[in-house]
Amino acid sequence: MTRTMATIGTKWKPIIIYALGNRTLRFGELHVRIDTISRKVLTDQLRELTEDGIIQRSPAQDSSRKVEYRLTEKGLALLPIMNMLTEWNLRYNESEI
């Protein structure tokens, strides 16, 4: 559990993973989906998730200067867990939102 929380236990990493889902997104698209995160924090968190093998960063197909992010196989394996957390929140914390 300690290693798991070190990998995805920050405030933003689960949100980034959930926002990416099965999609491939550019930085700006991801930033729009998570509009409360600063660009610097998003950059730092994406870098860490890439280093941990959760996210793959690759050049965009239509531009050599832009990059796209998508979940790796390791990252995709987290989606059912993220969905379960979302369902748990809806069931037990809906009145607190």
Protein backbone atom coordinates (compact mmCIF):
# COMPACT_ATOMS: atom_id res chain seq x y z
CA MET A 1 0.00 0.00 0.00
CA THR A 2 2.89 2.37 0.75
CA ARG A 3 4.30 2.02 -2.78
CA THR A 4 0.83 2.40 -4.29
CA MET A 5 0.17 5.62 -2.40
CA ALA A 6 3.60 6.93 -3.36
CA THR A 7 2.70 6.30 -7.01
CA ILE A 8 -0.90 7.61 -7.14
CA GLY A 9 -1.55 9.05 -3.69
CA THR A 10 -1.30 12.76 -4.39
CA LYS A 11 -4.34 14.97 -4.77
CA TRP A 12 -4.02 15.24 -8.53
CA LYS A 13 -2.72 11.94 -9.87
CA PRO A 14 -5.98 9.97 -9.53
CA ILE A 15 -7.84 12.88 -11.12
CA ILE A 16 -5.40 12.94 -14.04
CA ILE A 17 -5.70 9.18 -14.51
CA TYR A 18 -9.49 9.40 -14.40
CA ALA A 19 -9.56 12.37 -16.80
CA LEU A 20 -7.40 10.55 -19.33
CA GLY A 21 -9.42 7.35 -19.17
CA ASN A 22 -9.22 5.57 -22.50
CA ARG A 23 -8.49 8.79 -24.38
CA THR A 24 -5.36 10.34 -25.80
CA LEU A 25 -5.19 14.01 -24.88
CA ARG A 26 -2.83 16.90 -25.41
CA PHE A 27 -1.69 18.95 -22.46
CA GLY A 28 -4.16 21.77 -23.15
CA GLU A 29 -7.08 19.37 -23.49
CA LEU A 30 -6.17 17.74 -20.21
CA HIS A 31 -5.81 21.12 -18.53
CA VAL A 32 -9.31 22.11 -19.70
CA ARG A 33 -10.77 18.89 -18.26
CA ILE A 34 -9.07 19.61 -14.91
CA ASP A 35 -9.51 23.36 -14.81
CA THR A 36 -8.62 23.75 -11.13
CA ILE A 37 -5.04 22.50 -11.50
CA SER A 38 -2.23 24.91 -12.32
CA ARG A 39 -0.19 24.31 -15.45
CA LYS A 40 2.97 23.82 -13.38
CA VAL A 41 1.41 21.23 -11.10
CA LEU A 42 -0.10 19.40 -14.10
CA THR A 43 3.31 19.36 -15.77
CA ASP A 44 4.99 18.01 -12.63
CA GLN A 45 2.34 15.35 -12.05
CA LEU A 46 2.42 14.21 -15.69
CA ARG A 47 6.20 13.92 -15.47
CA GLU A 48 5.98 11.77 -12.33
CA LEU A 49 3.23 9.57 -13.78
CA THR A 50 5.33 9.09 -16.91
CA GLU A 51 8.39 8.14 -14.84
CA ASP A 52 6.26 5.61 -12.93
CA GLY A 53 5.03 4.03 -16.17
CA ILE A 54 1.38 5.05 -15.66
CA ILE A 55 1.24 7.51 -18.57
CA GLN A 56 2.90 7.47 -21.96
CA ARG A 57 4.03 10.77 -23.47
CA SER A 58 4.47 10.78 -27.22
CA PRO A 59 4.70 13.29 -30.07
CA ALA A 60 1.35 14.25 -31.57
CA GLN A 61 0.80 12.70 -34.98
CA ASP A 62 0.01 16.01 -36.64
CA SER A 63 2.80 18.06 -35.05
CA SER A 64 6.39 17.41 -34.06
CA ARG A 65 6.25 20.13 -31.37
CA LYS A 66 3.12 18.97 -29.55
CA VAL A 67 2.81 15.92 -27.34
CA GLU A 68 -0.05 13.66 -26.36
CA TYR A 69 -0.66 11.71 -23.18
CA ARG A 70 -2.38 8.38 -22.74
CA LEU A 71 -2.48 5.71 -20.11
CA THR A 72 -0.14 2.77 -20.46
CA GLU A 73 -1.33 -0.78 -19.83
CA LYS A 74 -0.30 -0.26 -16.21
CA GLY A 75 -2.34 2.95 -16.09
CA LEU A 76 -5.36 1.39 -17.78
CA ALA A 77 -5.38 -1.27 -15.06
CA LEU A 78 -6.14 1.53 -12.58
CA LEU A 79 -9.35 2.64 -14.34
CA PRO A 80 -11.63 0.03 -12.72
CA ILE A 81 -10.29 1.13 -9.33
CA MET A 82 -10.93 4.81 -10.15
CA ASN A 83 -14.45 3.92 -11.29
CA MET A 84 -15.07 2.04 -8.04
CA LEU A 85 -13.87 5.06 -6.05
CA THR A 86 -16.25 7.28 -8.01
CA GLU A 87 -19.15 4.91 -7.30
CA TRP A 88 -18.19 4.78 -3.62
CA ASN A 89 -18.20 8.57 -3.47
CA LEU A 90 -21.61 8.79 -5.11
CA ARG A 91 -23.05 6.25 -2.72
CA TYR A 92 -21.62 7.53 0.56
CA ASN A 93 -20.72 11.17 0.06
CA GLU A 94 -23.36 12.53 -2.29
CA SER A 95 -24.98 14.60 0.46
CA GLU A 96 -21.63 16.23 1.29
CA ILE A 97 -20.91 17.53 -2.22
